[in-house]
Amino acid sequence: MDHNCHNGFSFFTILLFIGFLSTRVYSIQFDLQSGHTKCIAEDIKSNAMTVGKYHIVNPTEGSPLPDSHKVTVRVTSSYGNNYHYSDHVQSGQFAFQTAEAGDYMACFFAADHNPAVTLTVDFDWKSGVAAKDWSNVAKKGSVEVRLKPMFT
């Protein structure tokens, strides 16, 4: 039995497992009542790419969203650094590379309305390997992967 092949396979399996651990993908839909805030926190490593995209789900398909269906969105780190801010929008996106490890929080606020309205927000948040745009890389040519041994 060739032990080098077996060790290479085990190393590759461990490397893939570590890669999946550093990848996070959230795709959620949540309700937000006017006058309220909802926050979603994500623990992200330093020097990691993170991207997010959000939009208000239209309650009546085929017609424009009512003016009441807008949110204010802020993404901050646990150190108080602001990474994204949009005021009174129906959709948006953000992308940044983290400077420090820790909790990053995306908060959605719906302005107060009388009578109260409930908004449905569709939110995708990816970090790590999942945040990379691999389709653009594939169009530019081949992808080169180099494996380095963890122990020498």
N, C-alpha and C. Protein backbone atom coordinates (compact mmCIF):
# COMPACT_ATOMS: atom_id res chain seq x y z
N MET A 1 0.85 -1.17 0.00
CA MET A 1 0.00 0.00 0.00
C MET A 1 0.89 1.23 0.00
N ASP A 2 0.56 2.22 -0.81
CA ASP A 2 1.33 3.44 -0.92
C ASP A 2 0.86 4.42 0.16
N HIS A 3 1.69 4.60 1.22
CA HIS A 3 1.30 5.47 2.33
C HIS A 3 1.29 6.94 1.93
N ASN A 4 2.11 7.34 0.95
CA ASN A 4 2.13 8.74 0.53
C ASN A 4 0.80 9.15 -0.09
N CYS A 5 0.22 8.26 -0.87
CA CYS A 5 -1.07 8.55 -1.48
C CYS A 5 -2.14 8.68 -0.41
N HIS A 6 -2.12 7.78 0.57
CA HIS A 6 -3.11 7.81 1.65
C HIS A 6 -2.95 9.08 2.48
N ASN A 7 -1.72 9.47 2.81
CA ASN A 7 -1.50 10.69 3.58
C ASN A 7 -1.92 11.92 2.79
N GLY A 8 -1.66 11.93 1.48
CA GLY A 8 -2.07 13.05 0.64
C GLY A 8 -3.58 13.19 0.61
N PHE A 9 -4.27 12.04 0.53
CA PHE A 9 -5.74 12.07 0.52
C PHE A 9 -6.26 12.59 1.85
N SER A 10 -5.70 12.15 2.96
CA SER A 10 -6.14 12.60 4.28
C SER A 10 -5.89 14.09 4.44
N PHE A 11 -4.72 14.55 3.99
CA PHE A 11 -4.41 15.97 4.09
C PHE A 11 -5.40 16.79 3.27
N PHE A 12 -5.70 16.33 2.06
CA PHE A 12 -6.65 17.05 1.20
C PHE A 12 -8.04 17.07 1.84
N THR A 13 -8.45 15.95 2.44
CA THR A 13 -9.75 15.88 3.11
C THR A 13 -9.80 16.86 4.28
N ILE A 14 -8.74 16.93 5.07
CA ILE A 14 -8.68 17.86 6.20
C ILE A 14 -8.71 19.29 5.69
N LEU A 15 -7.99 19.57 4.61
CA LEU A 15 -7.95 20.92 4.04
C LEU A 15 -9.34 21.34 3.57
N LEU A 16 -10.06 20.45 2.92
CA LEU A 16 -11.42 20.76 2.49
C LEU A 16 -12.33 21.01 3.68
N PHE A 17 -12.18 20.20 4.72
CA PHE A 17 -12.99 20.36 5.91
C PHE A 17 -12.73 21.72 6.56
N ILE A 18 -11.47 22.13 6.67
CA ILE A 18 -11.13 23.44 7.23
C ILE A 18 -11.69 24.55 6.36
N GLY A 19 -11.64 24.38 5.05
CA GLY A 19 -12.21 25.37 4.14
C GLY A 19 -13.69 25.54 4.34
N PHE A 20 -14.41 24.43 4.55
CA PHE A 20 -15.85 24.52 4.78
C PHE A 20 -16.16 25.18 6.12
N LEU A 21 -15.29 24.97 7.12
CA LEU A 21 -15.50 25.61 8.41
C LEU A 21 -15.37 27.12 8.31
N SER A 22 -14.50 27.61 7.43
CA SER A 22 -14.28 29.04 7.31
C SER A 22 -15.27 29.69 6.34
N THR A 23 -16.21 28.94 5.85
CA THR A 23 -17.21 29.45 4.92
C THR A 23 -18.56 29.50 5.63
N ARG A 24 -19.21 30.66 5.56
CA ARG A 24 -20.53 30.78 6.15
C ARG A 24 -21.46 31.40 5.13
N VAL A 25 -22.65 30.87 5.06
CA VAL A 25 -23.67 31.41 4.16
C VAL A 25 -24.98 31.47 4.92
N TYR A 26 -25.55 32.65 4.97
CA TYR A 26 -26.89 32.83 5.53
C TYR A 26 -27.79 33.29 4.41
N SER A 27 -28.90 32.65 4.26
CA SER A 27 -29.93 33.09 3.33
C SER A 27 -31.24 32.96 4.09
N ILE A 28 -31.73 34.10 4.55
CA ILE A 28 -32.92 34.07 5.40
C ILE A 28 -33.94 35.10 4.93
N GLN A 29 -35.15 34.86 5.35
CA GLN A 29 -36.24 35.81 5.16
C GLN A 29 -36.84 36.03 6.53
N PHE A 30 -37.05 37.30 6.89
CA PHE A 30 -37.63 37.59 8.20
C PHE A 30 -38.59 38.76 8.09
N ASP A 31 -39.54 38.79 9.04
CA ASP A 31 -40.51 39.88 9.10
C ASP A 31 -40.00 40.96 10.05
N LEU A 32 -40.27 42.21 9.67
CA LEU A 32 -39.85 43.36 10.45
C LEU A 32 -41.02 44.33 10.52
N GLN A 33 -41.52 44.57 11.72
CA GLN A 33 -42.65 45.48 11.89
C GLN A 33 -42.14 46.92 11.94
N SER A 34 -42.93 47.84 11.39
CA SER A 34 -42.53 49.24 11.37
C SER A 34 -42.28 49.73 12.80
N GLY A 35 -41.25 50.57 12.93
CA GLY A 35 -40.85 51.08 14.23
C GLY A 35 -39.93 50.16 15.00
N HIS A 36 -39.54 49.04 14.42
CA HIS A 36 -38.69 48.07 15.10
C HIS A 36 -37.37 47.85 14.35
N THR A 37 -36.44 47.23 15.07
CA THR A 37 -35.12 46.89 14.53
C THR A 37 -34.88 45.40 14.71
N LYS A 38 -34.26 44.79 13.73
CA LYS A 38 -33.84 43.40 13.83
C LYS A 38 -32.38 43.32 13.42
N CYS A 39 -31.54 42.66 14.24
CA CYS A 39 -30.11 42.55 13.97
C CYS A 39 -29.72 41.09 13.83
N ILE A 40 -28.77 40.85 12.93
CA ILE A 40 -28.23 39.51 12.71
C ILE A 40 -26.73 39.62 12.88
N ALA A 41 -26.16 38.79 13.75
CA ALA A 41 -24.73 38.84 14.05
C ALA A 41 -24.03 37.64 13.42
N GLU A 42 -22.79 37.86 13.01
CA GLU A 42 -21.97 36.82 12.40
C GLU A 42 -20.55 36.94 12.94
N ASP A 43 -20.01 35.85 13.44
CA ASP A 43 -18.62 35.83 13.92
C ASP A 43 -17.73 35.54 12.72
N ILE A 44 -16.89 36.51 12.34
CA ILE A 44 -16.07 36.40 11.13
C ILE A 44 -14.61 36.58 11.50
N LYS A 45 -13.74 35.79 10.87
CA LYS A 45 -12.30 35.89 11.11
C LYS A 45 -11.76 37.17 10.50
N SER A 46 -10.59 37.59 10.95
CA SER A 46 -9.96 38.78 10.37
C SER A 46 -9.46 38.46 8.96
N ASN A 47 -9.40 39.49 8.14
CA ASN A 47 -8.90 39.38 6.78
C ASN A 47 -9.75 38.43 5.92
N ALA A 48 -11.05 38.41 6.18
CA ALA A 48 -11.97 37.55 5.42
C ALA A 48 -12.88 38.42 4.57
N MET A 49 -13.21 37.95 3.39
CA MET A 49 -14.15 38.65 2.52
C MET A 49 -15.56 38.33 2.99
N THR A 50 -16.43 39.34 2.99
CA THR A 50 -17.83 39.13 3.32
C THR A 50 -18.68 39.98 2.39
N VAL A 51 -19.77 39.41 1.92
CA VAL A 51 -20.69 40.11 1.02
C VAL A 51 -22.12 39.86 1.50
N GLY A 52 -22.97 40.86 1.26
CA GLY A 52 -24.37 40.73 1.64
C GLY A 52 -25.26 41.40 0.62
N LYS A 53 -26.46 40.89 0.51
CA LYS A 53 -27.44 41.44 -0.41
C LYS A 53 -28.80 41.31 0.27
N TYR A 54 -29.62 42.38 0.17
CA TYR A 54 -30.91 42.36 0.82
C TYR A 54 -31.94 43.11 -0.03
N HIS A 55 -33.19 42.73 0.14
CA HIS A 55 -34.28 43.46 -0.51
C HIS A 55 -35.59 43.19 0.22
N ILE A 56 -36.50 44.14 0.08
CA ILE A 56 -37.83 44.01 0.65
C ILE A 56 -38.66 43.17 -0.33
N VAL A 57 -39.33 42.17 0.19
CA VAL A 57 -40.18 41.32 -0.64
C VAL A 57 -41.48 42.07 -0.91
N ASN A 58 -41.86 42.11 -2.17
CA ASN A 58 -43.06 42.82 -2.59
C ASN A 58 -44.30 42.04 -2.15
N PRO A 59 -45.18 42.65 -1.33
CA PRO A 59 -46.38 41.93 -0.88
C PRO A 59 -47.43 41.76 -1.98
N THR A 60 -47.39 42.62 -2.98
CA THR A 60 -48.33 42.51 -4.11
C THR A 60 -47.53 42.48 -5.40
N GLU A 61 -47.28 41.26 -5.86
CA GLU A 61 -46.47 41.06 -7.06
C GLU A 61 -47.08 41.77 -8.26
N GLY A 62 -46.22 42.40 -9.05
CA GLY A 62 -46.67 43.07 -10.25
C GLY A 62 -46.92 44.56 -10.06
N SER A 63 -46.97 45.03 -8.83
CA SER A 63 -47.13 46.46 -8.60
C SER A 63 -45.91 46.97 -7.83
N PRO A 64 -45.64 48.27 -7.88
CA PRO A 64 -44.46 48.79 -7.17
C PRO A 64 -44.61 48.67 -5.66
N LEU A 65 -43.47 48.60 -4.97
CA LEU A 65 -43.49 48.55 -3.51
C LEU A 65 -44.06 49.85 -2.96
N PRO A 66 -44.88 49.77 -1.93
CA PRO A 66 -45.37 51.00 -1.29
C PRO A 66 -44.21 51.78 -0.69
N ASP A 67 -44.37 53.09 -0.56
CA ASP A 67 -43.31 53.94 -0.01
C ASP A 67 -42.99 53.57 1.44
N SER A 68 -43.95 52.98 2.14
CA SER A 68 -43.73 52.56 3.53
C SER A 68 -42.77 51.38 3.62
N HIS A 69 -42.53 50.70 2.52
CA HIS A 69 -41.69 49.50 2.52
C HIS A 69 -40.24 49.83 2.23
N LYS A 70 -39.61 50.50 3.20
CA LYS A 70 -38.19 50.86 3.10
C LYS A 70 -37.53 50.63 4.46
N VAL A 71 -36.25 50.34 4.43
CA VAL A 71 -35.50 50.08 5.66
C VAL A 71 -34.22 50.90 5.68
N THR A 72 -33.68 51.05 6.87
CA THR A 72 -32.35 51.60 7.06
C THR A 72 -31.49 50.44 7.52
N VAL A 73 -30.32 50.28 6.89
CA VAL A 73 -29.46 49.13 7.17
C VAL A 73 -28.08 49.63 7.57
N ARG A 74 -27.53 49.04 8.64
CA ARG A 74 -26.19 49.39 9.09
C ARG A 74 -25.44 48.09 9.43
N VAL A 75 -24.21 47.96 8.93
CA VAL A 75 -23.36 46.82 9.25
C VAL A 75 -22.15 47.36 10.01
N THR A 76 -21.93 46.82 11.22
CA THR A 76 -20.84 47.28 12.07
C THR A 76 -20.07 46.10 12.64
N SER A 77 -18.85 46.38 13.09
CA SER A 77 -18.06 45.36 13.79
C SER A 77 -18.28 45.51 15.28
N SER A 78 -17.81 44.54 16.05
CA SER A 78 -17.95 44.61 17.51
C SER A 78 -17.09 45.74 18.09
N TYR A 79 -16.17 46.28 17.29
CA TYR A 79 -15.33 47.40 17.73
C TYR A 79 -15.96 48.75 17.38
N GLY A 80 -17.17 48.74 16.80
CA GLY A 80 -17.88 49.97 16.49
C GLY A 80 -17.56 50.56 15.13
N ASN A 81 -16.79 49.86 14.31
CA ASN A 81 -16.48 50.35 12.96
C ASN A 81 -17.67 50.12 12.04
N ASN A 82 -18.01 51.13 11.25
CA ASN A 82 -19.11 51.04 10.29
C ASN A 82 -18.59 50.52 8.95
N TYR A 83 -19.25 49.51 8.40
CA TYR A 83 -18.85 48.94 7.12
C TYR A 83 -19.89 49.17 6.02
N HIS A 84 -21.13 49.46 6.42
CA HIS A 84 -22.18 49.71 5.42
C HIS A 84 -23.29 50.50 6.09
N TYR A 85 -23.83 51.47 5.35
CA TYR A 85 -24.99 52.22 5.84
C TYR A 85 -25.83 52.65 4.64
N SER A 86 -27.11 52.31 4.67
CA SER A 86 -28.06 52.76 3.66
C SER A 86 -29.33 53.19 4.38
N ASP A 87 -29.83 54.35 4.01
CA ASP A 87 -30.98 54.93 4.68
C ASP A 87 -32.19 54.95 3.75
N HIS A 88 -33.30 54.41 4.24
CA HIS A 88 -34.59 54.48 3.55
C HIS A 88 -34.51 53.85 2.15
N VAL A 89 -34.11 52.57 2.09
CA VAL A 89 -33.94 51.87 0.81
C VAL A 89 -34.83 50.63 0.75
N GLN A 90 -35.08 50.18 -0.48
CA GLN A 90 -35.84 48.96 -0.69
C GLN A 90 -34.93 47.76 -0.95
N SER A 91 -33.68 48.03 -1.32
CA SER A 91 -32.72 46.95 -1.55
C SER A 91 -31.31 47.53 -1.46
N GLY A 92 -30.34 46.64 -1.35
CA GLY A 92 -28.95 47.09 -1.31
C GLY A 92 -28.02 45.91 -1.19
N GLN A 93 -26.72 46.23 -1.19
CA GLN A 93 -25.70 45.20 -1.03
C GLN A 93 -24.46 45.81 -0.42
N PHE A 94 -23.62 44.95 0.13
CA PHE A 94 -22.35 45.41 0.69
C PHE A 94 -21.29 44.34 0.46
N ALA A 95 -20.04 44.77 0.44
CA ALA A 95 -18.91 43.86 0.31
C ALA A 95 -17.71 44.54 0.96
N PHE A 96 -17.00 43.81 1.79
CA PHE A 96 -15.80 44.35 2.41
C PHE A 96 -14.94 43.21 2.93
N GLN A 97 -13.69 43.53 3.18
CA GLN A 97 -12.76 42.59 3.79
C GLN A 97 -12.60 42.99 5.24
N THR A 98 -12.78 42.05 6.15
CA THR A 98 -12.74 42.37 7.57
C THR A 98 -11.34 42.78 8.00
N ALA A 99 -11.28 43.74 8.90
CA ALA A 99 -9.99 44.20 9.42
C ALA A 99 -9.65 43.47 10.72
N GLU A 100 -10.67 43.10 11.48
CA GLU A 100 -10.45 42.43 12.75
C GLU A 100 -11.42 41.26 12.88
N ALA A 101 -11.03 40.28 13.68
CA ALA A 101 -11.92 39.14 13.94
C ALA A 101 -12.95 39.55 14.98
N GLY A 102 -14.11 38.94 14.90
CA GLY A 102 -15.14 39.20 15.90
C GLY A 102 -16.52 39.19 15.29
N ASP A 103 -17.47 39.67 16.09
CA ASP A 103 -18.86 39.71 15.65
C ASP A 103 -19.11 40.91 14.76
N TYR A 104 -19.72 40.67 13.63
CA TYR A 104 -20.18 41.72 12.73
C TYR A 104 -21.69 41.66 12.75
N MET A 105 -22.34 42.82 12.80
CA MET A 105 -23.78 42.87 12.96
C MET A 105 -24.43 43.67 11.84
N ALA A 106 -25.44 43.06 11.22
CA ALA A 106 -26.27 43.74 10.23
C ALA A 106 -27.60 44.04 10.89
N CYS A 107 -27.93 45.35 11.02
CA CYS A 107 -29.18 45.76 11.66
C CYS A 107 -30.10 46.42 10.65
N PHE A 108 -31.35 46.00 10.67
CA PHE A 108 -32.38 46.51 9.78
C PHE A 108 -33.41 47.26 10.62
N PHE A 109 -33.70 48.51 10.27
CA PHE A 109 -34.68 49.32 10.98
C PHE A 109 -35.76 49.78 10.01
N ALA A 110 -37.02 49.57 10.40
CA ALA A 110 -38.16 50.04 9.61
C ALA A 110 -38.77 51.23 10.32
N ALA A 111 -38.94 52.33 9.60
CA ALA A 111 -39.50 53.54 10.19
C ALA A 111 -40.92 53.28 10.70
N ASP A 112 -41.31 54.05 11.70
CA ASP A 112 -42.64 53.92 12.30
C ASP A 112 -43.71 54.41 11.34
N HIS A 113 -44.77 53.62 11.18
CA HIS A 113 -45.89 54.00 10.32
C HIS A 113 -47.20 53.80 11.08
N ASN A 114 -48.18 54.62 10.76
CA ASN A 114 -49.50 54.49 11.35
C ASN A 114 -50.53 54.42 10.22
N PRO A 115 -51.18 53.30 10.01
CA PRO A 115 -51.12 52.07 10.80
C PRO A 115 -49.80 51.32 10.55
N ALA A 116 -49.49 50.45 11.49
CA ALA A 116 -48.25 49.68 11.42
C ALA A 116 -48.26 48.76 10.20
N VAL A 117 -47.08 48.58 9.60
CA VAL A 117 -46.93 47.65 8.48
C VAL A 117 -45.86 46.63 8.85
N THR A 118 -45.95 45.47 8.26
CA THR A 118 -44.93 44.43 8.44
C THR A 118 -44.23 44.22 7.11
N LEU A 119 -42.90 44.35 7.14
CA LEU A 119 -42.08 44.15 5.95
C LEU A 119 -41.45 42.77 6.01
N THR A 120 -41.31 42.13 4.86
CA THR A 120 -40.56 40.89 4.78
C THR A 120 -39.25 41.21 4.07
N VAL A 121 -38.14 40.88 4.74
CA VAL A 121 -36.80 41.17 4.21
C VAL A 121 -36.14 39.87 3.81
N ASP A 122 -35.59 39.85 2.61
CA ASP A 122 -34.82 38.71 2.11
C ASP A 122 -33.35 39.11 2.21
N PHE A 123 -32.53 38.32 2.94
CA PHE A 123 -31.15 38.70 3.24
C PHE A 123 -30.21 37.52 3.01
N ASP A 124 -29.20 37.73 2.16
CA ASP A 124 -28.13 36.75 1.93
C ASP A 124 -26.84 37.33 2.45
N TRP A 125 -26.12 36.56 3.28
CA TRP A 125 -24.84 37.01 3.83
C TRP A 125 -23.84 35.87 3.70
N LYS A 126 -22.74 36.13 3.01
CA LYS A 126 -21.72 35.11 2.79
C LYS A 126 -20.39 35.64 3.29
N SER A 127 -19.58 34.75 3.86
CA SER A 127 -18.24 35.13 4.28
C SER A 127 -17.28 33.98 4.01
N GLY A 128 -16.00 34.32 3.93
CA GLY A 128 -14.99 33.31 3.65
C GLY A 128 -14.98 32.94 2.18
N VAL A 129 -14.75 31.67 1.91
CA VAL A 129 -14.64 31.18 0.53
C VAL A 129 -15.94 31.41 -0.23
N ALA A 130 -17.08 31.31 0.45
CA ALA A 130 -18.38 31.47 -0.21
C ALA A 130 -18.58 32.89 -0.74
N ALA A 131 -17.84 33.87 -0.20
CA ALA A 131 -18.00 35.27 -0.62
C ALA A 131 -17.24 35.60 -1.89
N LYS A 132 -16.35 34.74 -2.31
CA LYS A 132 -15.57 35.01 -3.52
C LYS A 132 -16.42 34.80 -4.76
N ASP A 133 -16.21 35.61 -5.77
CA ASP A 133 -16.97 35.49 -7.01
C ASP A 133 -16.20 34.57 -7.95
N TRP A 134 -16.45 33.27 -7.80
CA TRP A 134 -15.70 32.29 -8.58
C TRP A 134 -16.09 32.30 -10.05
N SER A 135 -17.29 32.79 -10.39
CA SER A 135 -17.69 32.80 -11.79
C SER A 135 -16.80 33.74 -12.60
N ASN A 136 -16.41 34.87 -12.04
CA ASN A 136 -15.50 35.78 -12.75
C ASN A 136 -14.12 35.18 -12.92
N VAL A 137 -13.65 34.45 -11.90
CA VAL A 137 -12.34 33.80 -11.98
C VAL A 137 -12.36 32.76 -13.09
N ALA A 138 -13.43 31.98 -13.16
CA ALA A 138 -13.53 30.92 -14.17
C ALA A 138 -13.54 31.50 -15.58
N LYS A 139 -14.16 32.65 -15.78
CA LYS A 139 -14.22 33.26 -17.10
C LYS A 139 -12.86 33.78 -17.55
N LYS A 140 -12.01 34.15 -16.59
CA LYS A 140 -10.70 34.72 -16.92
C LYS A 140 -9.66 33.65 -17.25
N GLY A 141 -9.93 32.42 -16.94
CA GLY A 141 -8.97 31.37 -17.23
C GLY A 141 -9.04 30.28 -16.19
N SER A 142 -7.99 29.51 -16.11
CA SER A 142 -8.00 28.39 -15.18
C SER A 142 -7.74 28.85 -13.76
N VAL A 143 -8.20 28.05 -12.82
CA VAL A 143 -7.97 28.30 -11.41
C VAL A 143 -6.84 27.39 -10.96
N GLU A 144 -5.82 27.96 -10.37
CA GLU A 144 -4.66 27.17 -9.91
C GLU A 144 -4.77 26.99 -8.41
N VAL A 145 -4.66 25.77 -7.94
CA VAL A 145 -4.72 25.46 -6.52
C VAL A 145 -3.40 24.87 -6.10
N ARG A 146 -2.82 25.43 -5.07
CA ARG A 146 -1.56 24.91 -4.54
C ARG A 146 -1.80 24.47 -3.11
N LEU A 147 -1.41 23.24 -2.82
CA LEU A 147 -1.54 22.72 -1.47
C LEU A 147 -0.17 22.75 -0.82
N LYS A 148 -0.12 23.33 0.36
CA LYS A 148 1.13 23.37 1.12
C LYS A 148 0.96 22.48 2.34
N PRO A 149 2.00 21.72 2.67
CA PRO A 149 1.89 20.87 3.86
C PRO A 149 1.80 21.74 5.11
N MET A 150 1.00 21.27 6.08
CA MET A 150 0.82 22.02 7.31
C MET A 150 2.01 21.82 8.24
N PHE A 151 2.67 20.69 8.15
CA PHE A 151 3.79 20.39 9.02
C PHE A 151 5.02 20.10 8.17
N THR A 152 6.16 20.57 8.59
CA THR A 152 7.38 20.29 7.84
C THR A 152 8.30 19.40 8.63
